[in-house]
Protein backbone atom coordinates (compact mmCIF):
# COMPACT_ATOMS: atom_id res chain seq x y z
CA MET A 1 -24.63 237.15 124.58
CA ASP A 2 -27.70 236.33 122.81
CA THR A 3 -26.71 239.50 120.76
CA ARG A 4 -23.38 237.73 120.44
CA ARG A 5 -24.44 234.01 119.94
CA ILE A 6 -27.50 235.87 116.86
CA LEU A 7 -23.97 237.02 115.17
CA GLU A 8 -22.33 233.90 115.23
CA THR A 9 -25.10 232.16 113.61
CA PHE A 10 -25.00 234.31 111.14
CA LEU A 11 -20.90 234.06 110.96
CA ALA A 12 -21.04 230.65 110.68
CA ALA A 13 -23.80 230.58 107.77
CA GLY A 14 -21.92 232.12 105.46
CA GLY A 15 -23.91 234.53 103.78
CA ALA A 16 -27.05 231.88 103.58
CA ALA A 17 -30.48 232.26 105.47
CA VAL A 18 -30.73 231.80 108.69
CA SER A 19 -34.36 230.58 110.00
CA GLY A 20 -36.38 232.19 112.86
CA ASP A 21 -36.98 228.90 113.92
CA LYS A 22 -33.34 228.19 114.46
CA LEU A 23 -32.22 231.25 116.13
CA ALA A 24 -35.01 230.81 118.79
CA ARG A 25 -34.28 227.33 119.32
CA SER A 26 -30.87 228.11 120.21
CA LEU A 27 -31.39 231.51 122.22
CA GLY A 28 -34.47 229.39 123.91
CA VAL A 29 -36.61 232.46 123.54
CA SER A 30 -39.31 233.16 120.77
CA ARG A 31 -39.40 233.70 117.35
CA VAL A 32 -41.32 237.61 118.25
CA ALA A 33 -37.63 238.23 120.78
CA VAL A 34 -35.71 237.17 117.97
CA TRP A 35 -37.33 239.43 115.40
CA GLY A 36 -37.21 242.36 118.12
CA ARG A 37 -33.46 241.33 118.91
CA LEU A 38 -32.92 241.71 114.92
CA GLU A 39 -34.49 245.17 115.02
CA ARG A 40 -32.45 245.84 117.75
CA LEU A 41 -29.42 244.92 115.89
CA ARG A 42 -30.87 247.22 112.69
CA ALA A 43 -30.83 250.02 114.61
CA GLU A 44 -26.93 249.29 115.47
CA GLY A 45 -25.99 249.14 111.64
CA PHE A 46 -26.40 245.77 110.90
CA VAL A 47 -28.57 244.89 107.48
CA PHE A 48 -30.58 242.25 107.43
CA GLU A 49 -32.86 241.09 104.37
CA ALA A 50 -35.83 238.66 105.02
CA ALA A 51 -37.10 236.30 102.82
CA PRO A 52 -40.61 234.38 103.03
CA ARG A 53 -40.00 230.65 104.21
CA VAL A 54 -36.49 231.14 104.70
CA GLY A 55 -35.06 233.15 106.91
CA TYR A 56 -33.29 235.73 107.72
CA ARG A 57 -29.82 236.93 105.75
CA LEU A 58 -27.22 239.37 107.26
CA VAL A 59 -25.76 241.74 104.11
CA ALA A 60 -23.89 244.31 106.05
CA THR A 61 -22.31 245.38 109.56
CA PRO A 62 -21.66 248.42 110.79
CA PRO A 63 -19.22 250.84 109.85
CA VAL A 64 -18.12 251.40 113.73
CA LEU A 65 -16.47 248.98 115.69
CA HIS A 66 -19.19 246.59 117.41
CA GLY A 67 -18.63 245.06 120.58
CA ASP A 68 -20.40 242.04 119.85
CA LEU A 69 -19.20 241.22 116.37
CA LEU A 70 -15.83 241.73 117.39
CA ALA A 71 -16.68 238.86 119.88
CA ALA A 72 -18.17 236.81 116.82
CA LEU A 73 -15.60 237.13 114.80
CA LEU A 74 -13.29 235.98 117.39
CA ALA A 75 -14.60 232.99 118.63
CA GLU A 76 -15.12 231.97 115.18
CA ALA A 77 -11.39 232.51 114.54
CA GLY A 78 -11.02 230.23 117.85
CA THR A 79 -8.79 232.86 119.37
CA PRO A 80 -7.45 232.24 123.29
CA PRO A 81 -10.35 233.53 125.52
CA ALA A 82 -10.27 236.96 126.09
CA THR A 83 -11.87 239.74 128.35
CA LEU A 84 -13.13 241.76 125.81
CA ARG A 85 -14.16 245.74 125.97
CA CYS A 86 -15.27 248.15 123.45
CA PRO A 87 -15.98 251.19 124.43
CA ALA A 88 -17.10 254.49 121.64
CA SER A 89 -13.83 256.43 123.04
CA VAL A 90 -10.91 256.15 125.88
CA ASP A 91 -8.81 257.79 126.84
CA SER A 92 -5.84 255.40 125.85
CA THR A 93 -6.31 251.77 125.64
CA ASN A 94 -2.95 250.98 127.04
CA ASP A 95 -3.74 252.55 130.23
CA ALA A 96 -7.67 250.93 130.13
CA VAL A 97 -6.21 247.93 130.46
CA GLU A 98 -3.79 248.32 132.41
CA ARG A 99 -6.33 249.86 134.59
CA LEU A 100 -8.19 246.84 134.25
CA LEU A 101 -5.57 244.21 135.20
CA THR A 102 -4.89 246.59 138.32
CA ALA A 103 -8.51 246.05 139.52
CA GLY A 104 -8.57 242.37 138.60
CA GLU A 105 -9.67 241.41 135.15
CA PRO A 106 -8.44 237.82 134.55
CA ALA A 107 -6.16 238.17 131.88
CA PRO A 108 -5.88 238.75 129.05
CA VAL A 109 -7.75 241.32 128.90
CA VAL A 110 -9.05 243.42 124.76
CA VAL A 111 -9.59 246.98 124.85
CA ALA A 112 -10.90 248.18 121.07
CA THR A 113 -12.06 251.56 120.56
CA GLY A 114 -12.68 253.60 117.27
CA GLU A 115 -11.23 256.76 119.03
CA GLN A 116 -8.81 257.48 121.61
CA THR A 117 -8.39 260.83 122.99
CA ALA A 118 -5.22 260.41 124.72
CA GLY A 119 -3.52 257.12 123.13
CA ARG A 120 0.41 257.92 122.71
CA GLY A 121 3.61 256.18 120.75
CA ARG A 122 7.35 255.20 121.66
CA HIS A 123 8.94 257.72 124.16
CA GLY A 124 5.11 259.14 125.02
CA ARG A 125 4.99 260.82 121.97
CA PRO A 126 1.18 261.30 121.17
CA TRP A 127 -0.89 258.73 119.18
CA LEU A 128 -3.42 260.06 116.85
CA GLY A 129 -7.15 258.32 117.61
CA THR A 130 -9.56 259.93 116.34
CA VAL A 131 -9.59 259.63 112.78
CA ALA A 132 -12.22 257.97 111.91
CA GLY A 133 -12.17 254.55 110.22
CA ASN A 134 -9.17 253.15 111.96
CA VAL A 135 -9.09 250.65 115.27
CA CYS A 136 -6.84 251.15 118.52
CA ILE A 137 -6.58 248.18 119.98
CA SER A 138 -4.60 246.86 123.52
CA PHE A 139 -4.53 243.49 124.72
CA GLY A 140 -3.14 242.98 128.80
CA PHE A 141 -1.24 239.68 129.75
CA ARG A 142 0.12 238.29 133.03
CA PRO A 143 2.97 236.28 131.45
CA ALA A 144 5.20 234.24 132.90
CA LEU A 145 8.28 235.25 131.56
CA PRO A 146 11.59 236.82 133.40
CA PRO A 147 12.12 240.50 132.44
CA GLU A 148 14.86 239.75 129.92
CA ARG A 149 12.66 238.55 127.47
CA MET A 150 10.38 241.19 127.29
CA ARG A 151 12.31 243.29 124.56
CA ALA A 152 11.37 240.34 122.04
CA VAL A 153 7.54 240.78 122.83
CA THR A 154 7.40 243.44 120.05
CA LEU A 155 8.68 241.93 117.40
CA ALA A 156 7.41 238.20 117.84
CA VAL A 157 3.78 240.77 117.58
CA GLY A 158 4.35 242.83 114.86
CA LEU A 159 5.34 239.97 112.87
CA ARG A 160 2.49 237.97 112.88
CA LEU A 161 0.40 240.70 112.52
CA CYS A 162 2.36 241.62 109.28
CA GLU A 163 1.86 237.96 108.36
CA ARG A 164 -1.84 237.89 109.27
CA LEU A 165 -2.93 240.83 108.08
CA ARG A 166 -1.22 240.36 104.34
CA GLY A 167 -2.66 236.69 104.33
CA ARG A 168 -6.28 237.89 105.31
CA PHE A 169 -6.62 241.14 102.82
CA GLY A 170 -3.80 240.86 100.32
CA ALA A 171 -2.06 243.57 101.61
CA PRO A 172 1.85 243.92 100.73
CA LEU A 173 2.95 245.16 103.95
CA GLN A 174 6.31 245.25 105.26
CA ILE A 175 7.66 245.73 108.74
CA LYS A 176 10.25 248.02 109.91
CA TRP A 177 12.16 247.02 112.85
CA PRO A 178 11.29 246.78 115.81
CA ASN A 179 7.51 248.49 115.60
CA ASP A 180 6.15 249.29 112.93
CA LEU A 181 3.74 248.24 109.76
CA GLN A 182 4.38 249.81 106.15
CA TRP A 183 3.15 250.21 102.66
CA ARG A 184 5.10 251.67 99.97
CA GLY A 185 7.27 253.21 103.26
CA ARG A 186 4.37 254.47 104.72
CA LYS A 187 2.52 253.38 108.23
CA VAL A 188 -0.22 251.74 108.31
CA ALA A 189 0.65 250.42 112.28
CA GLY A 190 2.21 250.80 114.80
CA ILE A 191 3.14 249.08 117.89
CA LEU A 192 3.81 250.07 121.29
CA THR A 193 4.38 247.54 124.20
CA GLU A 194 4.80 248.58 128.32
CA ALA A 195 5.97 246.09 131.43
CA ARG A 196 5.27 246.68 135.17
CA VAL A 197 8.34 244.49 135.84
CA ASP A 198 9.60 243.71 139.42
CA ALA A 199 13.27 242.27 140.10
CA ASP A 200 13.23 238.63 138.73
CA ARG A 201 9.43 238.42 136.85
CA ILE A 202 7.12 240.55 134.38
CA ARG A 203 4.15 241.21 136.47
CA ASP A 204 1.79 242.41 133.04
CA VAL A 205 2.46 243.47 129.96
CA VAL A 206 0.49 245.89 127.74
CA VAL A 207 0.72 245.81 124.02
CA GLY A 208 -1.16 248.64 122.00
CA VAL A 209 -1.92 248.65 117.98
CA GLY A 210 -2.15 251.50 116.38
CA LEU A 211 -3.92 250.46 112.76
CA ASN A 212 -4.98 252.39 109.79
CA VAL A 213 -7.76 250.91 107.90
CA ARG A 214 -10.29 252.33 105.73
CA SER A 215 -9.76 256.25 106.33
CA ARG A 216 -8.94 259.17 104.31
CA CYS A 217 -5.86 260.88 104.15
CA ALA A 218 -7.76 263.96 103.82
CA ASP A 219 -8.86 263.08 107.42
CA PHE A 220 -5.11 262.47 109.13
CA PRO A 221 -3.77 265.87 109.72
CA SER A 222 -1.54 268.06 106.63
CA GLU A 223 1.69 267.04 108.65
CA LEU A 224 1.47 263.55 108.31
CA ARG A 225 -0.22 262.71 105.34
CA ASP A 226 2.74 262.02 103.32
CA THR A 227 3.53 259.40 105.95
CA VAL A 228 0.63 257.15 106.46
CA ALA A 229 -1.21 254.95 104.72
CA THR A 230 -4.25 252.67 105.27
CA LEU A 231 -4.84 248.85 104.71
CA ALA A 232 -7.48 249.66 102.19
CA GLU A 233 -5.05 251.75 100.38
CA ALA A 234 -2.21 248.96 100.36
CA ALA A 235 -5.20 246.29 100.10
CA ALA A 236 -6.60 248.13 96.84
CA GLY A 237 -8.13 245.36 94.01
CA SER A 238 -10.08 243.71 97.04
CA ALA A 239 -13.70 244.79 98.69
CA PRO A 240 -12.45 247.76 101.55
CA PRO A 241 -11.13 246.12 104.83
CA ASP A 242 -14.25 245.92 107.21
CA VAL A 243 -12.78 247.81 110.96
CA ASN A 244 -14.58 244.87 112.68
CA LEU A 245 -12.69 241.70 110.82
CA ALA A 246 -9.47 244.03 110.82
CA ALA A 247 -9.92 244.15 114.06
CA ALA A 248 -10.67 241.11 114.77
CA GLU A 249 -7.54 239.99 112.30
CA CYS A 250 -5.61 242.13 114.47
CA ALA A 251 -6.88 240.48 117.95
CA ALA A 252 -6.61 236.93 116.73
CA ALA A 253 -2.81 237.77 115.46
CA VAL A 254 -1.49 238.91 118.91
CA LEU A 255 -3.42 236.55 121.04
CA THR A 256 -2.03 233.92 119.21
CA ALA A 257 1.72 235.48 118.73
CA PHE A 258 1.81 236.47 122.09
CA ALA A 259 1.00 233.02 123.62
CA ASP A 260 3.46 231.39 121.04
CA TYR A 261 5.80 233.76 122.69
CA GLU A 262 4.69 233.10 126.34
CA ARG A 263 5.90 229.31 125.12
CA GLU A 264 8.60 228.82 122.70
CA GLY A 265 9.99 232.47 122.39
CA LEU A 266 10.32 233.29 118.79
CA GLY A 267 11.01 230.28 117.07
CA ALA A 268 14.03 229.00 115.12
CA ASP A 269 11.92 229.76 111.97
CA PHE A 270 11.87 233.76 112.93
CA GLY A 271 14.48 234.90 110.92
CA GLU A 272 13.42 233.74 108.05
CA ARG A 273 9.99 234.55 108.57
CA TRP A 274 11.21 237.89 108.73
CA ALA A 275 13.48 238.34 105.94
CA ARG A 276 10.52 237.27 103.91
CA LEU A 277 8.87 241.33 105.34
CA ASP A 278 12.04 243.31 106.16
CA ALA A 279 11.02 246.30 105.20
CA LEU A 280 15.17 247.66 105.75
CA ALA A 281 16.90 245.02 104.45
CA GLY A 282 19.98 245.91 102.67
CA ARG A 283 19.22 249.43 103.08
CA ARG A 284 20.90 252.27 104.09
CA VAL A 285 20.05 253.89 108.18
CA ALA A 286 20.95 255.26 110.84
CA SER A 287 20.37 254.67 114.39
CA ARG A 288 19.61 257.06 117.25
CA SER A 289 20.14 255.78 120.81
CA ILE A 290 16.70 256.21 123.18
CA THR A 291 19.14 257.10 126.39
CA GLY A 292 21.53 259.43 124.22
CA GLY A 293 24.27 257.31 123.37
CA VAL A 294 25.98 257.08 120.30
CA GLY A 295 24.01 255.86 117.32
CA VAL A 296 25.24 253.78 114.41
CA SER A 297 24.70 253.82 110.70
CA GLY A 298 25.01 251.54 107.61
CA ILE A 299 23.42 248.41 105.73
CA ALA A 300 20.38 246.85 107.93
CA GLU A 301 21.33 242.58 107.49
CA GLY A 302 18.18 241.39 109.54
CA VAL A 303 17.26 240.22 112.24
CA ASP A 304 20.09 238.02 114.63
CA ALA A 305 18.19 235.40 116.85
CA ASP A 306 17.81 237.06 119.49
CA GLY A 307 15.93 239.92 117.08
CA ALA A 308 18.58 242.54 117.62
CA LEU A 309 18.62 244.69 114.42
CA ARG A 310 21.83 243.84 112.46
CA VAL A 311 23.58 247.13 110.46
CA ARG A 312 27.38 246.88 109.32
CA ASP A 313 28.72 250.29 109.50
CA ALA A 314 31.40 251.67 106.69
CA ALA A 315 34.29 249.87 108.68
CA GLY A 316 32.57 246.57 108.15
CA ALA A 317 31.88 246.56 111.80
CA VAL A 318 28.76 244.57 112.31
CA HIS A 319 26.57 245.92 115.05
CA ALA A 320 23.67 244.34 117.34
CA LEU A 321 20.60 246.83 117.86
CA ASP A 322 18.27 246.13 120.13
CA SER A 323 17.01 248.97 121.09
CA GLY A 324 16.55 252.44 119.91
CA GLU A 325 15.21 254.27 116.77
CA VAL A 326 15.89 253.46 113.17
CA THR A 327 15.62 255.91 110.19
CA LEU A 328 16.10 255.54 106.55
CA ALA A 329 19.83 256.98 105.80
CA PRO A 330 21.03 259.25 102.43
CA PRO A 331 22.68 257.62 100.12
CA VAL A 332 26.34 258.58 100.96
CA ALA A 333 27.33 260.56 98.15
């Protein structure tokens, strides 16, 4: 807690110097003890400048996720309070969150890491989580929602996340229905939502986000290099995004989006907001049913009030897709 309070004080200073006396008073410790805490932070990758008779200035933060810094950034953003864990590595952040919920940890729960060894995407596919400079972060909730409202959670979270990352980092991201954030058709982030559902209620919901922040293309397997992109690429011209700040913005987006969705659903302006960022609008797409049913191909026409994707086929009929996978289809010859 002392480390988090120190970092909160430096963040609030906005780059200005903070006196050792102020830090000592706020923590109730001596200036020697403050110096010792700053030395430990230096060993963890923080850089402070000492200004005689002025104090200390925070000039750089670690290039990897740091739990206390992430907590301080979330507090600065005024996000809903959450239980936060930030391990260096974990099997799967979704599984780690589910274990915490099962053990009775108060919700919401957040687990963030730079490395997951057994991550997964939609439909059980593996999710690469070992590329340096990226973030894997999952959130656990115990919502007061009926099961039928479960399917639109991913859409609400994905839209808010896209909006927030665009606003904070100047990255012209788009959202591909139902769960990907893209830049120039390449995947920057993916969302996986899982739930344990009883007959008449949702017991808990886990929302996982994999975000490519500032990794290098060469760090990805060769088969992925043409299909993935990073926040740093999308925000070209701006300062490279910091992984802790990116994780904090992601957490702020998901926590607030879920709270809003639980209270008011998708909202009256959802369709309008989605249309501004829709990567599929007006494009020819093909869908594949995850249950083996017949797919649909046609022109994507946005989403309806419930978040279903509208696709107009060659005969002019409009289909509302509320599940499945959608890919861009080749143009009709």
